[in-house]
Structures are given as C-alpha cells and as structure tokens.
Amino acid sequence: QLVESGGGLVQAGGSLRLSCTASERTFSTYVTGWFRQAPGKGREFVAAIAWSNGNTNHADSVKGRFTGSRDSAKNTVYLQMNSLKPEDTAVYYCAITTWGLSATAAGLYKYWGPGTQVTVSS
C-alpha cells in the first residue's frame, strides 16, 4: 500500500514537496512513478525514480521545476515541486512499475495510492 502526502494550496511560483511512503519494503526492486490528474483529464506521467540507484526520468512539462528523489532509510520517494504554475493543479498519485524508468503509461503501474490534492492559485 502506497500513501501520498504533502499536497496543499500554494500561490503560483511557490513550492511543495510530495512524499510517497510504502507500508512495507515495496520499493526495493521497482521504479516509483508520480502521476497527476486534473479534473476532466487523463492521468499524466510526471516523474519516475529508480529505487536501486536514484536515477530519474521527468516529463518535459516539469523538467527544471520538479525533481524526484528517494530516501532509502525512510522507505520514501519524494517529488520536489518548484516554480509551480496554475496548470500544475491536479491530484498527484504515486505507483510502482517493473517496466523501468522509461515506463510513462499509467497502465504499466500498480499499487496506486489514494492521491494528494495540489492546488496552485494565480
């Protein structure tokens, strides 16, 4: 079971850090992905983090603003979001995949968390 936290309301240009924690050692051999879903839209890939070495893959829409990382001691994956824009407003989810860092389709991921709301005001 994965659980996201850290969402909230922030003004444009602000920052938030999302956390994704597993209830057990789920991450150890997987890639953890961050996705987001805005009202009326599909689930969009944001970032992927390889648990084994910390390598990452980020969507073009967030490159230079968002950074994925992991803390093995805390069994937690993070998404640091800077320079937030109103179009970043969405529910953010984490999930895991065995398909590697290049996996960007939501259908390749499993064990989705319930999500955390991020709202960016203009």
N, C-alpha and C. Protein backbone atom coordinates (compact mmCIF):
# COMPACT_ATOMS: atom_id res chain seq x y z
N GLN A 1 0.84 -1.19 0.00
CA GLN A 1 0.00 0.00 0.00
C GLN A 1 0.89 1.25 0.00
N LEU A 2 0.61 2.16 -0.92
CA LEU A 2 1.33 3.42 -1.01
C LEU A 2 0.44 4.55 -0.52
N VAL A 3 1.04 5.55 0.13
CA VAL A 3 0.29 6.69 0.62
C VAL A 3 1.04 7.97 0.27
N GLU A 4 0.34 8.89 -0.40
CA GLU A 4 0.92 10.18 -0.74
C GLU A 4 0.57 11.21 0.33
N SER A 5 1.44 12.20 0.48
CA SER A 5 1.18 13.31 1.40
C SER A 5 1.94 14.53 0.91
N GLY A 6 1.60 15.68 1.49
CA GLY A 6 2.33 16.91 1.18
C GLY A 6 1.62 17.87 0.26
N GLY A 7 0.46 17.50 -0.24
CA GLY A 7 -0.29 18.40 -1.10
C GLY A 7 -0.84 19.58 -0.33
N GLY A 8 -1.40 20.54 -1.07
CA GLY A 8 -1.99 21.70 -0.43
C GLY A 8 -2.26 22.81 -1.42
N LEU A 9 -2.54 23.98 -0.89
CA LEU A 9 -2.81 25.18 -1.69
C LEU A 9 -1.59 26.08 -1.64
N VAL A 10 -1.12 26.51 -2.81
CA VAL A 10 0.06 27.36 -2.88
C VAL A 10 -0.13 28.37 -4.00
N GLN A 11 0.50 29.53 -3.86
CA GLN A 11 0.42 30.54 -4.91
C GLN A 11 1.38 30.19 -6.05
N ALA A 12 1.07 30.70 -7.22
CA ALA A 12 1.96 30.49 -8.37
C ALA A 12 3.37 30.97 -8.03
N GLY A 13 4.35 30.18 -8.44
CA GLY A 13 5.74 30.48 -8.11
C GLY A 13 6.23 29.81 -6.84
N GLY A 14 5.31 29.25 -6.08
CA GLY A 14 5.67 28.62 -4.82
C GLY A 14 6.15 27.19 -5.00
N SER A 15 6.39 26.53 -3.85
CA SER A 15 6.94 25.17 -3.86
C SER A 15 6.17 24.27 -2.91
N LEU A 16 6.18 22.98 -3.25
CA LEU A 16 5.65 21.94 -2.38
C LEU A 16 6.54 20.71 -2.54
N ARG A 17 6.60 19.89 -1.49
CA ARG A 17 7.28 18.61 -1.60
C ARG A 17 6.30 17.49 -1.26
N LEU A 18 6.06 16.63 -2.21
CA LEU A 18 5.19 15.48 -2.00
C LEU A 18 6.01 14.28 -1.55
N SER A 19 5.39 13.46 -0.71
CA SER A 19 6.03 12.23 -0.24
C SER A 19 5.16 11.04 -0.61
N CYS A 20 5.81 9.92 -0.88
CA CYS A 20 5.12 8.67 -1.17
C CYS A 20 5.79 7.59 -0.31
N THR A 21 5.02 7.05 0.62
CA THR A 21 5.57 6.09 1.57
C THR A 21 4.87 4.75 1.41
N ALA A 22 5.66 3.69 1.48
CA ALA A 22 5.12 2.34 1.39
C ALA A 22 4.97 1.74 2.78
N SER A 23 3.95 0.93 2.94
CA SER A 23 3.72 0.32 4.24
C SER A 23 4.69 -0.81 4.52
N GLU A 24 5.36 -1.29 3.49
CA GLU A 24 6.39 -2.31 3.66
C GLU A 24 7.46 -2.07 2.63
N ARG A 25 8.46 -2.93 2.56
CA ARG A 25 9.58 -2.72 1.65
C ARG A 25 9.17 -3.00 0.21
N THR A 26 8.22 -2.18 -0.29
CA THR A 26 7.69 -2.39 -1.63
C THR A 26 8.62 -1.85 -2.70
N PHE A 27 9.36 -0.80 -2.38
CA PHE A 27 10.10 -0.08 -3.39
C PHE A 27 11.35 -0.79 -3.89
N SER A 28 11.90 -1.68 -3.10
CA SER A 28 13.30 -2.08 -3.25
C SER A 28 13.72 -2.50 -4.65
N THR A 29 12.84 -3.15 -5.41
CA THR A 29 13.25 -3.62 -6.74
C THR A 29 12.48 -2.93 -7.85
N TYR A 30 11.77 -1.87 -7.53
CA TYR A 30 10.89 -1.26 -8.51
C TYR A 30 11.30 0.17 -8.86
N VAL A 31 10.61 0.71 -9.84
CA VAL A 31 10.62 2.13 -10.16
C VAL A 31 9.33 2.73 -9.62
N THR A 32 9.44 3.85 -8.94
CA THR A 32 8.25 4.54 -8.44
C THR A 32 7.93 5.70 -9.36
N GLY A 33 6.68 5.80 -9.74
CA GLY A 33 6.27 6.87 -10.64
C GLY A 33 5.34 7.85 -9.94
N TRP A 34 5.43 9.10 -10.37
CA TRP A 34 4.48 10.14 -9.96
C TRP A 34 3.62 10.49 -11.18
N PHE A 35 2.33 10.55 -10.96
CA PHE A 35 1.38 10.94 -11.99
C PHE A 35 0.47 12.03 -11.42
N ARG A 36 -0.24 12.70 -12.31
CA ARG A 36 -1.21 13.68 -11.86
C ARG A 36 -2.44 13.62 -12.76
N GLN A 37 -3.57 14.01 -12.17
CA GLN A 37 -4.82 14.01 -12.92
C GLN A 37 -5.60 15.25 -12.57
N ALA A 38 -5.80 16.10 -13.57
CA ALA A 38 -6.60 17.31 -13.41
C ALA A 38 -8.05 16.97 -13.73
N PRO A 39 -9.00 17.76 -13.24
CA PRO A 39 -10.42 17.48 -13.50
C PRO A 39 -10.71 17.38 -14.99
N GLY A 40 -11.39 16.31 -15.37
CA GLY A 40 -11.78 16.12 -16.76
C GLY A 40 -10.67 15.65 -17.68
N LYS A 41 -9.49 15.34 -17.13
CA LYS A 41 -8.36 14.91 -17.94
C LYS A 41 -7.87 13.54 -17.50
N GLY A 42 -7.05 12.93 -18.36
CA GLY A 42 -6.49 11.63 -18.04
C GLY A 42 -5.32 11.74 -17.09
N ARG A 43 -4.84 10.58 -16.63
CA ARG A 43 -3.71 10.54 -15.72
C ARG A 43 -2.42 10.76 -16.50
N GLU A 44 -1.65 11.76 -16.08
CA GLU A 44 -0.46 12.21 -16.81
C GLU A 44 0.81 11.86 -16.06
N PHE A 45 1.79 11.29 -16.77
CA PHE A 45 3.08 10.97 -16.18
C PHE A 45 3.81 12.26 -15.81
N VAL A 46 4.43 12.24 -14.61
CA VAL A 46 5.20 13.39 -14.14
C VAL A 46 6.68 13.04 -13.99
N ALA A 47 6.95 11.96 -13.25
CA ALA A 47 8.35 11.59 -12.98
C ALA A 47 8.42 10.14 -12.56
N ALA A 48 9.61 9.55 -12.74
CA ALA A 48 9.88 8.19 -12.28
C ALA A 48 11.23 8.16 -11.59
N ILE A 49 11.33 7.38 -10.52
CA ILE A 49 12.56 7.29 -9.74
C ILE A 49 12.92 5.83 -9.55
N ALA A 50 14.13 5.47 -9.93
CA ALA A 50 14.60 4.10 -9.74
C ALA A 50 15.09 3.94 -8.32
N TRP A 51 14.50 3.00 -7.60
CA TRP A 51 14.87 2.83 -6.20
C TRP A 51 16.32 2.37 -6.06
N SER A 52 16.80 1.57 -6.98
CA SER A 52 18.12 0.95 -6.83
C SER A 52 19.26 1.96 -6.86
N ASN A 53 19.17 2.97 -7.74
CA ASN A 53 20.28 3.90 -7.87
C ASN A 53 19.88 5.37 -7.86
N GLY A 54 18.59 5.64 -7.72
CA GLY A 54 18.13 7.02 -7.65
C GLY A 54 18.02 7.73 -8.99
N ASN A 55 18.29 7.01 -10.11
CA ASN A 55 18.14 7.65 -11.42
C ASN A 55 16.68 8.06 -11.63
N THR A 56 16.50 9.10 -12.45
CA THR A 56 15.16 9.65 -12.64
C THR A 56 14.83 9.88 -14.11
N ASN A 57 13.54 10.02 -14.37
CA ASN A 57 13.02 10.40 -15.67
C ASN A 57 11.89 11.39 -15.39
N HIS A 58 11.93 12.55 -16.03
CA HIS A 58 10.90 13.56 -15.80
C HIS A 58 10.20 13.92 -17.10
N ALA A 59 8.92 14.20 -17.01
CA ALA A 59 8.17 14.67 -18.17
C ALA A 59 8.69 16.03 -18.61
N ASP A 60 8.63 16.30 -19.90
CA ASP A 60 9.12 17.57 -20.42
C ASP A 60 8.41 18.76 -19.78
N SER A 61 7.15 18.58 -19.43
CA SER A 61 6.36 19.68 -18.88
C SER A 61 6.82 20.12 -17.50
N VAL A 62 7.61 19.29 -16.82
CA VAL A 62 8.05 19.63 -15.46
C VAL A 62 9.57 19.69 -15.33
N LYS A 63 10.30 19.36 -16.38
CA LYS A 63 11.76 19.39 -16.31
C LYS A 63 12.26 20.77 -15.91
N GLY A 64 13.22 20.78 -14.98
CA GLY A 64 13.76 22.04 -14.49
C GLY A 64 12.96 22.64 -13.36
N ARG A 65 11.75 22.11 -13.10
CA ARG A 65 10.92 22.63 -12.00
C ARG A 65 10.67 21.56 -10.93
N PHE A 66 10.46 20.32 -11.36
CA PHE A 66 10.16 19.22 -10.44
C PHE A 66 11.36 18.28 -10.38
N THR A 67 11.60 17.71 -9.19
CA THR A 67 12.70 16.76 -9.03
C THR A 67 12.25 15.57 -8.18
N GLY A 68 12.39 14.38 -8.73
CA GLY A 68 12.09 13.18 -7.98
C GLY A 68 13.32 12.68 -7.27
N SER A 69 13.12 12.09 -6.08
CA SER A 69 14.23 11.53 -5.33
C SER A 69 13.71 10.46 -4.39
N ARG A 70 14.65 9.73 -3.72
CA ARG A 70 14.21 8.74 -2.74
C ARG A 70 15.14 8.74 -1.55
N ASP A 71 14.58 8.31 -0.41
CA ASP A 71 15.33 8.17 0.84
C ASP A 71 15.15 6.72 1.29
N SER A 72 16.20 5.93 1.10
CA SER A 72 16.07 4.51 1.40
C SER A 72 15.86 4.26 2.88
N ALA A 73 16.46 5.09 3.74
CA ALA A 73 16.31 4.89 5.18
C ALA A 73 14.87 5.08 5.63
N LYS A 74 14.15 5.95 4.93
CA LYS A 74 12.75 6.24 5.29
C LYS A 74 11.76 5.51 4.40
N ASN A 75 12.27 4.73 3.46
CA ASN A 75 11.38 4.00 2.54
C ASN A 75 10.38 4.94 1.89
N THR A 76 10.87 6.09 1.47
CA THR A 76 10.01 7.15 0.96
C THR A 76 10.58 7.72 -0.33
N VAL A 77 9.67 8.03 -1.25
CA VAL A 77 10.01 8.70 -2.50
C VAL A 77 9.40 10.09 -2.46
N TYR A 78 10.13 11.06 -3.02
CA TYR A 78 9.70 12.45 -2.95
C TYR A 78 9.52 13.03 -4.35
N LEU A 79 8.70 14.10 -4.41
CA LEU A 79 8.60 14.93 -5.61
C LEU A 79 8.68 16.37 -5.14
N GLN A 80 9.84 17.00 -5.36
CA GLN A 80 10.01 18.41 -5.04
C GLN A 80 9.50 19.23 -6.21
N MET A 81 8.54 20.09 -5.93
CA MET A 81 7.91 20.89 -6.99
C MET A 81 8.19 22.36 -6.74
N ASN A 82 8.93 23.00 -7.63
CA ASN A 82 9.25 24.42 -7.54
C ASN A 82 8.63 25.18 -8.70
N SER A 83 8.58 26.48 -8.57
CA SER A 83 8.04 27.35 -9.64
C SER A 83 6.68 26.84 -10.11
N LEU A 84 5.81 26.54 -9.17
CA LEU A 84 4.52 25.96 -9.51
C LEU A 84 3.66 26.92 -10.32
N LYS A 85 2.87 26.35 -11.23
CA LYS A 85 2.00 27.12 -12.11
C LYS A 85 0.55 26.67 -11.89
N PRO A 86 -0.42 27.50 -12.18
CA PRO A 86 -1.83 27.08 -12.04
C PRO A 86 -2.13 25.80 -12.81
N GLU A 87 -1.48 25.57 -13.94
CA GLU A 87 -1.74 24.35 -14.72
C GLU A 87 -1.17 23.09 -14.07
N ASP A 88 -0.42 23.25 -12.97
CA ASP A 88 0.05 22.09 -12.20
C ASP A 88 -1.03 21.58 -11.24
N THR A 89 -2.13 22.31 -11.12
CA THR A 89 -3.21 21.91 -10.23
C THR A 89 -3.77 20.56 -10.65
N ALA A 90 -3.79 19.62 -9.72
CA ALA A 90 -4.24 18.25 -10.01
C ALA A 90 -4.17 17.43 -8.73
N VAL A 91 -4.71 16.23 -8.80
CA VAL A 91 -4.46 15.22 -7.77
C VAL A 91 -3.21 14.46 -8.20
N TYR A 92 -2.26 14.34 -7.30
CA TYR A 92 -0.99 13.68 -7.59
C TYR A 92 -0.98 12.30 -6.95
N TYR A 93 -0.55 11.30 -7.73
CA TYR A 93 -0.53 9.92 -7.30
C TYR A 93 0.87 9.33 -7.44
N CYS A 94 1.17 8.34 -6.61
CA CYS A 94 2.37 7.54 -6.82
C CYS A 94 1.96 6.09 -7.02
N ALA A 95 2.81 5.36 -7.72
CA ALA A 95 2.58 3.95 -8.01
C ALA A 95 3.92 3.33 -8.38
N ILE A 96 3.96 2.01 -8.52
CA ILE A 96 5.22 1.35 -8.85
C ILE A 96 5.10 0.54 -10.13
N THR A 97 6.23 0.33 -10.79
CA THR A 97 6.28 -0.44 -12.02
C THR A 97 7.55 -1.29 -12.06
N THR A 98 7.46 -2.39 -12.80
CA THR A 98 8.64 -3.23 -13.04
C THR A 98 9.20 -2.98 -14.43
N TRP A 99 8.65 -1.99 -15.16
CA TRP A 99 9.00 -1.76 -16.55
C TRP A 99 10.12 -0.74 -16.74
N GLY A 100 10.69 -0.26 -15.64
CA GLY A 100 11.85 0.60 -15.77
C GLY A 100 11.50 2.08 -15.89
N LEU A 101 12.54 2.91 -15.94
CA LEU A 101 12.38 4.36 -15.94
C LEU A 101 11.68 4.89 -17.17
N SER A 102 11.71 4.15 -18.26
CA SER A 102 11.08 4.62 -19.49
C SER A 102 9.57 4.40 -19.50
N ALA A 103 9.04 3.75 -18.48
CA ALA A 103 7.60 3.50 -18.41
C ALA A 103 6.88 4.78 -18.05
N THR A 104 6.08 5.31 -18.98
CA THR A 104 5.33 6.54 -18.73
C THR A 104 3.83 6.35 -18.83
N ALA A 105 3.39 5.18 -19.21
CA ALA A 105 1.95 4.91 -19.32
C ALA A 105 1.40 4.43 -17.99
N ALA A 106 0.29 5.00 -17.58
CA ALA A 106 -0.31 4.66 -16.29
C ALA A 106 -0.65 3.18 -16.20
N GLY A 107 -1.00 2.58 -17.31
CA GLY A 107 -1.36 1.16 -17.32
C GLY A 107 -0.23 0.22 -16.96
N LEU A 108 1.01 0.71 -16.96
CA LEU A 108 2.16 -0.12 -16.61
C LEU A 108 2.48 -0.08 -15.13
N TYR A 109 1.70 0.69 -14.36
CA TYR A 109 1.94 0.88 -12.94
C TYR A 109 0.85 0.20 -12.12
N LYS A 110 1.19 -0.13 -10.86
CA LYS A 110 0.25 -0.78 -9.96
C LYS A 110 0.42 -0.24 -8.56
N TYR A 111 -0.44 -0.71 -7.65
CA TYR A 111 -0.42 -0.31 -6.24
C TYR A 111 -0.52 1.20 -6.08
N TRP A 112 -1.48 1.80 -6.72
CA TRP A 112 -1.69 3.23 -6.66
C TRP A 112 -2.12 3.67 -5.27
N GLY A 113 -1.58 4.83 -4.83
CA GLY A 113 -2.04 5.42 -3.60
C GLY A 113 -3.33 6.19 -3.85
N PRO A 114 -3.96 6.72 -2.79
CA PRO A 114 -5.23 7.44 -2.92
C PRO A 114 -5.07 8.83 -3.51
N GLY A 115 -3.85 9.38 -3.56
CA GLY A 115 -3.61 10.68 -4.15
C GLY A 115 -3.62 11.80 -3.13
N THR A 116 -2.99 12.92 -3.53
CA THR A 116 -2.98 14.13 -2.70
C THR A 116 -3.22 15.33 -3.61
N GLN A 117 -4.10 16.23 -3.16
CA GLN A 117 -4.51 17.36 -3.99
C GLN A 117 -3.47 18.48 -3.93
N VAL A 118 -3.10 18.98 -5.10
CA VAL A 118 -2.24 20.16 -5.22
C VAL A 118 -3.03 21.21 -5.97
N THR A 119 -3.17 22.38 -5.36
CA THR A 119 -3.88 23.48 -5.99
C THR A 119 -2.97 24.70 -6.02
N VAL A 120 -2.78 25.24 -7.23
CA VAL A 120 -1.90 26.39 -7.41
C VAL A 120 -2.77 27.57 -7.85
N SER A 121 -2.79 28.61 -7.06
CA SER A 121 -3.61 29.79 -7.37
C SER A 121 -2.78 30.81 -8.13
N SER A 122 -3.47 31.55 -9.01
CA SER A 122 -2.77 32.54 -9.83
C SER A 122 -2.70 33.89 -9.13
